[in-house]
């Protein structure tokens, strides 16, 4: 099995090293690289394709202040050039992601936000979720995150036609895993608790879809 490869984009060297150490504790065979300047990530990605990019949002400016624009520009670049790349945003101010919410909605790879103020276990959990292709976003961003056409199609098949995951996969000519990832994203976008029993969460998803008039029976 190939070893996981991580890229940490962080302008605080000590924080970057700590993040790499945590990743290598969780995945001892992993290869981890760091880069301080988000503007150089494009060249790095041409030579090095990581399984996950961990991105800080705020970067120091010549004025001494911090700005989210370099981090947001990096995300815009990744969304445009690498739509399947797994991303974890590690920031104390994840709501700064609002300007790229539409691009998050359409991103095909895993996308997870973890607040730097949370315990380290959240960092590890976020990495695992992103590697699995999941979507995890702050509650405050959910209202800005839209459903894709494919997600609407899957929602219709689940709730109106009452198809199983495998039956949905067969209908739209994709894998069962892809359908399950889409269902996880639907639950996250629509605010359905993921720790509920699967049948209950599926019912809750369809009830919320009907409430929002996304499907009709």
C-alpha atoms as a PDB file:
ATOM      1  CA  UNK A   1       0.000   0.000   0.000  1.00  0.00           C
ATOM      2  CA  UNK A   2       1.277   3.464  -0.894  1.00  0.00           C
ATOM      3  CA  UNK A   3       2.214   5.746   1.979  1.00  0.00           C
ATOM      4  CA  UNK A   4       0.078   8.819   2.555  1.00  0.00           C
ATOM      5  CA  UNK A   5       1.491  12.179   1.528  1.00  0.00           C
ATOM      6  CA  UNK A   6       0.598  15.430   3.262  1.00  0.00           C
ATOM      7  CA  UNK A   7       1.285  19.068   2.443  1.00  0.00           C
ATOM      8  CA  UNK A   8       1.027  21.643   5.260  1.00  0.00           C
ATOM      9  CA  UNK A   9       0.598  25.283   4.171  1.00  0.00           C
ATOM     10  CA  UNK A  10       1.371  27.371   7.250  1.00  0.00           C
ATOM     11  CA  UNK A  11       3.481  30.499   7.759  1.00  0.00           C
ATOM     12  CA  UNK A  12       4.380  29.648  11.364  1.00  0.00           C
ATOM     13  CA  UNK A  13       7.219  27.060  11.111  1.00  0.00           C
ATOM     14  CA  UNK A  14       6.695  25.679  14.609  1.00  0.00           C
ATOM     15  CA  UNK A  15       2.966  25.136  13.995  1.00  0.00           C
ATOM     16  CA  UNK A  16       3.755  23.474  10.657  1.00  0.00           C
ATOM     17  CA  UNK A  17       6.267  21.121  12.295  1.00  0.00           C
ATOM     18  CA  UNK A  18       3.784  20.269  15.058  1.00  0.00           C
ATOM     19  CA  UNK A  19       1.115  19.464  12.491  1.00  0.00           C
ATOM     20  CA  UNK A  20       3.505  17.170  10.621  1.00  0.00           C
ATOM     21  CA  UNK A  21       4.451  15.437  13.860  1.00  0.00           C
ATOM     22  CA  UNK A  22       0.795  14.801  14.697  1.00  0.00           C
ATOM     23  CA  UNK A  23       0.145  13.422  11.245  1.00  0.00           C
ATOM     24  CA  UNK A  24       3.154  11.104  11.463  1.00  0.00           C
ATOM     25  CA  UNK A  25       2.070   9.890  14.906  1.00  0.00           C
ATOM     26  CA  UNK A  26      -1.278   8.915  13.388  1.00  0.00           C
ATOM     27  CA  UNK A  27       0.207   7.645  10.117  1.00  0.00           C
ATOM     28  CA  UNK A  28       3.794   6.554  10.953  1.00  0.00           C
ATOM     29  CA  UNK A  29       4.737   5.823   7.326  1.00  0.00           C
ATOM     30  CA  UNK A  30       3.361   9.129   6.007  1.00  0.00           C
ATOM     31  CA  UNK A  31       5.454  11.652   4.120  1.00  0.00           C
ATOM     32  CA  UNK A  32       4.823  15.250   5.222  1.00  0.00           C
ATOM     33  CA  UNK A  33       6.070  18.460   3.610  1.00  0.00           C
ATOM     34  CA  UNK A  34       5.560  22.060   4.705  1.00  0.00           C
ATOM     35  CA  UNK A  35       5.470  25.332   2.797  1.00  0.00           C
ATOM     36  CA  UNK A  36       5.176  28.808   4.300  1.00  0.00           C
ATOM     37  CA  UNK A  37       4.119  30.890   1.309  1.00  0.00           C
ATOM     38  CA  UNK A  38       0.697  29.966  -0.141  1.00  0.00           C
ATOM     39  CA  UNK A  39       1.644  31.649  -3.423  1.00  0.00           C
ATOM     40  CA  UNK A  40       4.250  28.925  -4.015  1.00  0.00           C
ATOM     41  CA  UNK A  41       1.846  26.031  -3.577  1.00  0.00           C
ATOM     42  CA  UNK A  42       0.892  25.937  -7.259  1.00  0.00           C
ATOM     43  CA  UNK A  43       4.445  25.089  -8.301  1.00  0.00           C
ATOM     44  CA  UNK A  44       4.702  22.538  -5.496  1.00  0.00           C
ATOM     45  CA  UNK A  45       1.529  20.760  -6.611  1.00  0.00           C
ATOM     46  CA  UNK A  46       2.903  20.384 -10.132  1.00  0.00           C
ATOM     47  CA  UNK A  47       5.691  18.215  -8.701  1.00  0.00           C
ATOM     48  CA  UNK A  48       4.075  16.694  -5.625  1.00  0.00           C
ATOM     49  CA  UNK A  49       0.511  15.333  -5.423  1.00  0.00           C
ATOM     50  CA  UNK A  50      -0.488  14.981  -1.760  1.00  0.00           C
ATOM     51  CA  UNK A  51      -3.368  12.921  -0.397  1.00  0.00           C
ATOM     52  CA  UNK A  52      -4.299  15.901   1.761  1.00  0.00           C
ATOM     53  CA  UNK A  53      -3.457  19.600   1.868  1.00  0.00           C
ATOM     54  CA  UNK A  54      -3.781  21.282   5.276  1.00  0.00           C
ATOM     55  CA  UNK A  55      -4.306  25.010   4.764  1.00  0.00           C
ATOM     56  CA  UNK A  56      -4.134  27.857   7.264  1.00  0.00           C
ATOM     57  CA  UNK A  57      -6.343  30.796   6.269  1.00  0.00           C
ATOM     58  CA  UNK A  58      -4.530  33.740   7.861  1.00  0.00           C
ATOM     59  CA  UNK A  59      -1.066  34.899   6.748  1.00  0.00           C
ATOM     60  CA  UNK A  60       1.121  37.713   7.996  1.00  0.00           C
ATOM     61  CA  UNK A  61       1.494  40.770   5.770  1.00  0.00           C
ATOM     62  CA  UNK A  62       4.258  43.387   5.483  1.00  0.00           C
ATOM     63  CA  UNK A  63       2.028  45.748   7.449  1.00  0.00           C
ATOM     64  CA  UNK A  64       2.183  43.394  10.410  1.00  0.00           C
ATOM     65  CA  UNK A  65      -1.488  42.514  10.099  1.00  0.00           C
ATOM     66  CA  UNK A  66      -2.918  39.165   9.068  1.00  0.00           C
ATOM     67  CA  UNK A  67      -4.998  38.611   5.952  1.00  0.00           C
ATOM     68  CA  UNK A  68      -7.198  35.741   4.787  1.00  0.00           C
ATOM     69  CA  UNK A  69      -6.869  36.692   1.111  1.00  0.00           C
ATOM     70  CA  UNK A  70      -3.702  34.597   0.454  1.00  0.00           C
ATOM     71  CA  UNK A  71      -5.409  31.542   1.958  1.00  0.00           C
ATOM     72  CA  UNK A  72      -8.643  32.162   0.050  1.00  0.00           C
ATOM     73  CA  UNK A  73      -6.739  32.657  -3.199  1.00  0.00           C
ATOM     74  CA  UNK A  74      -4.945  29.365  -2.622  1.00  0.00           C
ATOM     75  CA  UNK A  75      -8.276  27.603  -2.100  1.00  0.00           C
ATOM     76  CA  UNK A  76      -9.687  29.189  -5.261  1.00  0.00           C
ATOM     77  CA  UNK A  77      -6.659  27.885  -7.158  1.00  0.00           C
ATOM     78  CA  UNK A  78      -7.026  24.345  -5.769  1.00  0.00           C
ATOM     79  CA  UNK A  79     -10.771  24.286  -6.416  1.00  0.00           C
ATOM     80  CA  UNK A  80     -10.154  25.297 -10.016  1.00  0.00           C
ATOM     81  CA  UNK A  81      -7.103  23.183 -10.837  1.00  0.00           C
ATOM     82  CA  UNK A  82      -7.424  20.191  -8.495  1.00  0.00           C
ATOM     83  CA  UNK A  83     -11.180  19.555  -7.948  1.00  0.00           C
ATOM     84  CA  UNK A  84     -10.599  16.117  -6.443  1.00  0.00           C
ATOM     85  CA  UNK A  85      -7.874  17.087  -3.950  1.00  0.00           C
ATOM     86  CA  UNK A  86      -8.655  16.524  -0.273  1.00  0.00           C
ATOM     87  CA  UNK A  87      -8.397  19.725   1.787  1.00  0.00           C
ATOM     88  CA  UNK A  88      -8.500  20.499   5.486  1.00  0.00           C
ATOM     89  CA  UNK A  89      -8.688  24.138   6.527  1.00  0.00           C
ATOM     90  CA  UNK A  90      -7.117  24.594   9.958  1.00  0.00           C
ATOM     91  CA  UNK A  91      -7.966  28.065  11.192  1.00  0.00           C
ATOM     92  CA  UNK A  92      -9.155  29.942  14.260  1.00  0.00           C
ATOM     93  CA  UNK A  93     -11.602  31.849  12.020  1.00  0.00           C
ATOM     94  CA  UNK A  94     -13.242  29.323   9.670  1.00  0.00           C
ATOM     95  CA  UNK A  95     -16.107  31.728   8.875  1.00  0.00           C
ATOM     96  CA  UNK A  96     -13.627  33.613   6.707  1.00  0.00           C
ATOM     97  CA  UNK A  97     -14.440  30.902   4.173  1.00  0.00           C
ATOM     98  CA  UNK A  98     -17.730  32.616   3.292  1.00  0.00           C
ATOM     99  CA  UNK A  99     -16.405  34.160   0.016  1.00  0.00           C
ATOM    100  CA  UNK A 100     -15.592  30.693  -1.368  1.00  0.00           C
ATOM    101  CA  UNK A 101     -18.728  28.911  -0.115  1.00  0.00           C
ATOM    102  CA  UNK A 102     -20.048  28.298  -3.634  1.00  0.00           C
ATOM    103  CA  UNK A 103     -16.764  26.687  -4.668  1.00  0.00           C
ATOM    104  CA  UNK A 104     -16.821  24.525  -1.535  1.00  0.00           C
ATOM    105  CA  UNK A 105     -20.298  23.366  -2.583  1.00  0.00           C
ATOM    106  CA  UNK A 106     -18.965  22.063  -5.889  1.00  0.00           C
ATOM    107  CA  UNK A 107     -15.623  20.648  -4.708  1.00  0.00           C
ATOM    108  CA  UNK A 108     -15.365  16.927  -5.409  1.00  0.00           C
ATOM    109  CA  UNK A 109     -12.617  16.035  -2.925  1.00  0.00           C
ATOM    110  CA  UNK A 110     -12.884  15.928   0.840  1.00  0.00           C
ATOM    111  CA  UNK A 111     -13.251  19.338   2.477  1.00  0.00           C
ATOM    112  CA  UNK A 112     -13.091  19.727   6.247  1.00  0.00           C
ATOM    113  CA  UNK A 113     -12.693  22.729   8.519  1.00  0.00           C
ATOM    114  CA  UNK A 114     -11.131  22.425  11.971  1.00  0.00           C
ATOM    115  CA  UNK A 115     -10.887  25.292  14.417  1.00  0.00           C
ATOM    116  CA  UNK A 116      -7.388  25.838  15.840  1.00  0.00           C
ATOM    117  CA  UNK A 117      -9.007  26.507  19.209  1.00  0.00           C
ATOM    118  CA  UNK A 118     -10.313  22.927  19.358  1.00  0.00           C
ATOM    119  CA  UNK A 119      -8.412  20.077  20.985  1.00  0.00           C
ATOM    120  CA  UNK A 120      -5.784  18.242  18.949  1.00  0.00           C
ATOM    121  CA  UNK A 121      -8.040  15.204  18.658  1.00  0.00           C
ATOM    122  CA  UNK A 122     -10.258  17.314  16.384  1.00  0.00           C
ATOM    123  CA  UNK A 123      -7.275  17.862  14.087  1.00  0.00           C
ATOM    124  CA  UNK A 124      -6.765  14.106  13.739  1.00  0.00           C
ATOM    125  CA  UNK A 125     -10.499  13.484  13.269  1.00  0.00           C
ATOM    126  CA  UNK A 126     -10.608  16.187  10.601  1.00  0.00           C
ATOM    127  CA  UNK A 127      -7.716  14.626   8.718  1.00  0.00           C
ATOM    128  CA  UNK A 128      -9.436  11.230   8.711  1.00  0.00           C
ATOM    129  CA  UNK A 129     -12.705  12.747   7.470  1.00  0.00           C
ATOM    130  CA  UNK A 130     -10.994  14.685   4.678  1.00  0.00           C
ATOM    131  CA  UNK A 131      -9.068  11.598   3.540  1.00  0.00           C
ATOM    132  CA  UNK A 132     -12.375   9.737   3.304  1.00  0.00           C
ATOM    133  CA  UNK A 133     -13.733  12.431   0.984  1.00  0.00           C
ATOM    134  CA  UNK A 134     -16.182  13.840   3.515  1.00  0.00           C
ATOM    135  CA  UNK A 135     -17.526  17.364   3.913  1.00  0.00           C
ATOM    136  CA  UNK A 136     -17.367  18.949   7.380  1.00  0.00           C
ATOM    137  CA  UNK A 137     -18.116  22.662   7.700  1.00  0.00           C
ATOM    138  CA  UNK A 138     -19.073  25.102  10.490  1.00  0.00           C
ATOM    139  CA  UNK A 139     -22.793  25.310  11.193  1.00  0.00           C
ATOM    140  CA  UNK A 140     -22.724  28.999  10.337  1.00  0.00           C
ATOM    141  CA  UNK A 141     -21.606  28.251   6.773  1.00  0.00           C
ATOM    142  CA  UNK A 142     -24.305  25.706   5.954  1.00  0.00           C
ATOM    143  CA  UNK A 143     -26.767  28.308   4.760  1.00  0.00           C
ATOM    144  CA  UNK A 144     -24.267  29.384   2.099  1.00  0.00           C
ATOM    145  CA  UNK A 145     -23.420  25.892   0.861  1.00  0.00           C
ATOM    146  CA  UNK A 146     -25.605  24.810  -2.056  1.00  0.00           C
ATOM    147  CA  UNK A 147     -26.535  21.354  -3.315  1.00  0.00           C
ATOM    148  CA  UNK A 148     -25.040  20.218  -6.594  1.00  0.00           C
ATOM    149  CA  UNK A 149     -27.211  18.834  -9.393  1.00  0.00           C
ATOM    150  CA  UNK A 150     -25.895  15.334  -8.664  1.00  0.00           C
ATOM    151  CA  UNK A 151     -26.750  15.664  -4.965  1.00  0.00           C
ATOM    152  CA  UNK A 152     -30.284  16.775  -5.858  1.00  0.00           C
ATOM    153  CA  UNK A 153     -30.626  13.753  -8.133  1.00  0.00           C
ATOM    154  CA  UNK A 154     -29.457  11.397  -5.373  1.00  0.00           C
ATOM    155  CA  UNK A 155     -31.797  13.056  -2.874  1.00  0.00           C
ATOM    156  CA  UNK A 156     -34.720  12.461  -5.232  1.00  0.00           C
ATOM    157  CA  UNK A 157     -33.810   8.794  -5.688  1.00  0.00           C
ATOM    158  CA  UNK A 158     -33.406   8.279  -1.948  1.00  0.00           C
ATOM    159  CA  UNK A 159     -36.503  10.078  -0.771  1.00  0.00           C
ATOM    160  CA  UNK A 160     -38.978   9.835  -3.635  1.00  0.00           C
ATOM    161  CA  UNK A 161     -38.042   6.442  -5.085  1.00  0.00           C
ATOM    162  CA  UNK A 162     -36.818   4.976  -1.739  1.00  0.00           C
ATOM    163  CA  UNK A 163     -33.816   3.345  -3.380  1.00  0.00           C
ATOM    164  CA  UNK A 164     -30.944   1.745  -1.480  1.00  0.00           C
ATOM    165  CA  UNK A 165     -27.401   3.094  -1.815  1.00  0.00           C
ATOM    166  CA  UNK A 166     -26.515   0.328  -4.265  1.00  0.00           C
ATOM    167  CA  UNK A 167     -29.669   0.871  -6.300  1.00  0.00           C
ATOM    168  CA  UNK A 168     -28.907   4.595  -6.527  1.00  0.00           C
ATOM    169  CA  UNK A 169     -25.367   3.778  -7.638  1.00  0.00           C
ATOM    170  CA  UNK A 170     -26.686   1.451 -10.350  1.00  0.00           C
ATOM    171  CA  UNK A 171     -29.211   4.049 -11.533  1.00  0.00           C
ATOM    172  CA  UNK A 172     -26.676   6.847 -11.963  1.00  0.00           C
ATOM    173  CA  UNK A 173     -23.807   4.578 -13.060  1.00  0.00           C
ATOM    174  CA  UNK A 174     -21.384   5.220 -10.237  1.00  0.00           C
ATOM    175  CA  UNK A 175     -19.982   3.348  -7.230  1.00  0.00           C
ATOM    176  CA  UNK A 176     -21.778   2.701  -3.968  1.00  0.00           C
ATOM    177  CA  UNK A 177     -18.945   4.508  -2.152  1.00  0.00           C
ATOM    178  CA  UNK A 178     -19.501   7.631  -4.264  1.00  0.00           C
ATOM    179  CA  UNK A 179     -23.193   7.575  -3.409  1.00  0.00           C
ATOM    180  CA  UNK A 180     -22.441   7.151   0.298  1.00  0.00           C
ATOM    181  CA  UNK A 181     -20.048  10.116   0.173  1.00  0.00           C
ATOM    182  CA  UNK A 182     -22.764  12.172  -1.506  1.00  0.00           C
ATOM    183  CA  UNK A 183     -25.250  11.203   1.200  1.00  0.00           C
ATOM    184  CA  UNK A 184     -22.769  12.260   3.886  1.00  0.00           C
ATOM    185  CA  UNK A 185     -22.366  15.615   2.121  1.00  0.00           C
ATOM    186  CA  UNK A 186     -26.134  16.016   1.859  1.00  0.00           C
ATOM    187  CA  UNK A 187     -26.507  15.430   5.596  1.00  0.00           C
ATOM    188  CA  UNK A 188     -23.738  17.917   6.374  1.00  0.00           C
ATOM    189  CA  UNK A 189     -25.125  20.600   4.060  1.00  0.00           C
ATOM    190  CA  UNK A 190     -28.628  20.162   5.460  1.00  0.00           C
ATOM    191  CA  UNK A 191     -27.587  19.986   9.110  1.00  0.00           C
ATOM    192  CA  UNK A 192     -28.579  16.367   9.812  1.00  0.00           C
ATOM    193  CA  UNK A 193     -26.647  14.941  12.807  1.00  0.00           C
ATOM    194  CA  UNK A 194     -24.207  12.303  11.627  1.00  0.00           C
ATOM    195  CA  UNK A 195     -24.124  10.445  14.933  1.00  0.00           C
ATOM    196  CA  UNK A 196     -27.736   9.291  14.656  1.00  0.00           C
ATOM    197  CA  UNK A 197     -28.596   5.709  13.746  1.00  0.00           C
ATOM    198  CA  UNK A 198     -28.419   5.391   9.952  1.00  0.00           C
ATOM    199  CA  UNK A 199     -32.124   4.715   9.371  1.00  0.00           C
ATOM    200  CA  UNK A 200     -33.164   7.642  11.569  1.00  0.00           C
ATOM    201  CA  UNK A 201     -30.720  10.024   9.884  1.00  0.00           C
ATOM    202  CA  UNK A 202     -31.958   8.942   6.438  1.00  0.00           C
ATOM    203  CA  UNK A 203     -35.556   9.675   7.489  1.00  0.00           C
ATOM    204  CA  UNK A 204     -34.461  13.022   8.952  1.00  0.00           C
ATOM    205  CA  UNK A 205     -32.667  13.871   5.706  1.00  0.00           C
ATOM    206  CA  UNK A 206     -35.793  13.207   3.628  1.00  0.00           C
ATOM    207  CA  UNK A 207     -38.042  15.106   6.030  1.00  0.00           C
ATOM    208  CA  UNK A 208     -35.713  18.124   5.847  1.00  0.00           C
ATOM    209  CA  UNK A 209     -35.620  17.829   2.053  1.00  0.00           C
ATOM    210  CA  UNK A 210     -39.421  17.909   1.946  1.00  0.00           C
ATOM    211  CA  UNK A 211     -39.551  20.823   4.382  1.00  0.00           C
ATOM    212  CA  UNK A 212     -37.236  22.779   2.108  1.00  0.00           C
ATOM    213  CA  UNK A 213     -39.277  21.664  -0.929  1.00  0.00           C
ATOM    214  CA  UNK A 214     -36.247  19.970  -2.479  1.00  0.00           C
ATOM    215  CA  UNK A 215     -38.330  16.843  -3.105  1.00  0.00           C
ATOM    216  CA  UNK A 216     -42.052  16.172  -3.137  1.00  0.00           C
ATOM    217  CA  UNK A 217     -43.747  12.814  -2.623  1.00  0.00           C
END
